[in-house]
Amino acid sequence: MDENVARLVAFFSVVIVALAVATGWTWILALLGMDFAARAWAGGRGSLLAAAGRRLARVLRLEARPVDAGPKAFAAKIGLLFSLAAVTLGVLGLVWAAAAVALVLGACAALEAFVGFCVGCLMYS
């Protein structure tokens, strides 16, 4: 997979998490979780964020930087778990706990987006 696309998708995830935490709309994290699932098990097919990332990479004319997709798929599975945990906590009325879990997810996505450090990939190896 393309590292540049992965970083753009991570940036989109940061924006979604920030929106969810700022508004208290934890349901947005359910949508993010579905996108993580598409990236984890369908190779990105069905992922709106991956499609947007690929398109933006083309528009920005970013040169493809291939990386192993296995660790990125594992990281997407971890993202799915964090998304589901935050949504569950939000549904249970534990808003602060949901926000805390979402912020950890956002911090990991920010590391990928801005620094190129994939926490899930590190856990994978």
Protein backbone atom coordinates (compact mmCIF):
# COMPACT_ATOMS: atom_id res chain seq x y z
CA MET A 1 0.00 0.00 0.00
CA ASP A 2 1.01 3.64 -0.39
CA GLU A 3 2.45 5.27 2.73
CA ASN A 4 1.32 8.72 1.58
CA VAL A 5 -2.29 7.55 1.28
CA ALA A 6 -2.07 5.95 4.74
CA ARG A 7 -0.88 9.25 6.21
CA LEU A 8 -3.68 11.18 4.50
CA VAL A 9 -6.23 8.68 5.81
CA ALA A 10 -4.74 9.07 9.28
CA PHE A 11 -5.15 12.84 8.97
CA PHE A 12 -8.83 12.38 8.03
CA SER A 13 -9.18 10.14 11.09
CA VAL A 14 -7.70 12.86 13.31
CA VAL A 15 -10.27 15.32 11.97
CA ILE A 16 -13.13 12.87 12.59
CA VAL A 17 -11.98 12.10 16.13
CA ALA A 18 -11.61 15.82 16.88
CA LEU A 19 -15.12 16.44 15.58
CA ALA A 20 -16.51 13.59 17.68
CA VAL A 21 -14.80 14.78 20.86
CA ALA A 22 -15.63 18.45 20.31
CA THR A 23 -19.32 17.81 19.61
CA GLY A 24 -19.93 14.73 21.75
CA TRP A 25 -21.24 12.94 18.65
CA THR A 26 -19.77 9.54 19.42
CA TRP A 27 -21.87 8.03 16.61
CA ILE A 28 -19.34 9.54 14.19
CA LEU A 29 -16.83 7.11 15.63
CA ALA A 30 -19.11 4.24 14.57
CA LEU A 31 -18.74 5.45 10.97
CA LEU A 32 -14.99 5.69 11.47
CA GLY A 33 -15.04 2.15 12.84
CA MET A 34 -16.80 0.88 9.73
CA ASP A 35 -14.13 2.56 7.62
CA PHE A 36 -11.41 0.91 9.73
CA ALA A 37 -13.13 -2.45 9.14
CA ALA A 38 -13.11 -1.88 5.37
CA ARG A 39 -9.40 -1.10 5.49
CA ALA A 40 -8.61 -4.01 7.81
CA TRP A 41 -10.43 -6.82 6.01
CA ALA A 42 -11.28 -5.60 2.51
CA GLY A 43 -7.94 -4.10 1.56
CA GLY A 44 -9.45 -0.62 1.54
CA ARG A 45 -12.32 -1.50 -0.81
CA GLY A 46 -15.40 0.22 0.56
CA SER A 47 -13.37 2.69 2.61
CA LEU A 48 -14.41 6.25 1.88
CA LEU A 49 -11.36 7.59 3.67
CA ALA A 50 -8.98 5.43 1.63
CA ALA A 51 -10.70 6.52 -1.58
CA ALA A 52 -10.43 10.17 -0.53
CA GLY A 53 -6.78 9.64 0.41
CA ARG A 54 -5.97 8.08 -2.96
CA ARG A 55 -7.71 10.90 -4.81
CA LEU A 56 -6.01 13.62 -2.73
CA ALA A 57 -2.61 11.95 -3.25
CA ARG A 58 -3.22 12.10 -7.02
CA VAL A 59 -4.33 15.74 -6.86
CA LEU A 60 -1.26 16.64 -4.80
CA ARG A 61 0.89 14.54 -7.16
CA LEU A 62 2.48 12.67 -4.29
CA GLU A 63 4.87 10.00 -5.45
CA ALA A 64 3.78 6.54 -4.29
CA ARG A 65 5.79 5.14 -1.38
CA PRO A 66 4.97 1.43 -1.13
CA VAL A 67 4.95 -0.19 2.31
CA ASP A 68 3.86 -3.57 3.64
CA ALA A 69 0.07 -3.63 3.95
CA GLY A 70 0.02 -6.27 6.73
CA PRO A 71 1.01 -3.97 9.60
CA LYS A 72 -1.34 -1.26 8.32
CA ALA A 73 -4.25 -3.75 8.26
CA PHE A 74 -3.41 -4.74 11.83
CA ALA A 75 -3.33 -1.06 12.84
CA ALA A 76 -6.77 -0.63 11.22
CA LYS A 77 -8.09 -3.51 13.36
CA ILE A 78 -6.77 -1.78 16.48
CA GLY A 79 -8.41 1.46 15.30
CA LEU A 80 -11.67 -0.43 14.89
CA LEU A 81 -11.43 -1.72 18.46
CA PHE A 82 -10.78 1.77 19.81
CA SER A 83 -13.66 3.19 17.78
CA LEU A 84 -16.04 0.52 19.03
CA ALA A 85 -14.88 1.02 22.62
CA ALA A 86 -15.46 4.76 22.40
CA VAL A 87 -18.91 4.30 20.85
CA THR A 88 -19.88 1.74 23.50
CA LEU A 89 -18.73 4.00 26.31
CA GLY A 90 -20.64 6.91 24.76
CA VAL A 91 -23.83 4.84 24.48
CA LEU A 92 -23.45 3.85 28.14
CA GLY A 93 -23.30 7.53 29.06
CA LEU A 94 -19.63 7.46 30.01
CA VAL A 95 -18.85 10.51 27.92
CA TRP A 96 -15.50 11.32 29.51
CA ALA A 97 -14.29 7.74 29.13
CA ALA A 98 -15.45 7.72 25.50
CA ALA A 99 -13.59 10.98 24.89
CA ALA A 100 -10.44 9.58 26.53
CA VAL A 101 -10.47 6.47 24.33
CA ALA A 102 -11.18 8.60 21.26
CA LEU A 103 -8.30 10.93 22.13
CA VAL A 104 -5.89 7.99 22.35
CA LEU A 105 -7.11 6.90 18.92
CA GLY A 106 -6.68 10.46 17.66
CA ALA A 107 -3.17 10.70 19.11
CA CYS A 108 -2.13 7.49 17.35
CA ALA A 109 -3.64 8.74 14.08
CA ALA A 110 -1.86 12.08 14.53
CA LEU A 111 1.48 10.30 14.97
CA GLU A 112 0.89 8.49 11.69
CA ALA A 113 -0.38 11.58 9.87
CA PHE A 114 2.21 14.12 10.98
CA VAL A 115 5.30 12.09 11.88
CA GLY A 116 4.86 8.87 9.90
CA PHE A 117 5.00 6.74 13.04
CA CYS A 118 2.43 3.93 13.04
CA VAL A 119 1.78 2.71 16.59
CA GLY A 120 -0.23 -0.30 15.35
CA CYS A 121 2.60 -1.20 12.98
CA LEU A 122 5.05 -1.17 15.91
CA MET A 123 2.72 -3.46 17.87
CA TYR A 124 2.46 -5.74 14.82
CA SER A 125 6.21 -6.24 14.66
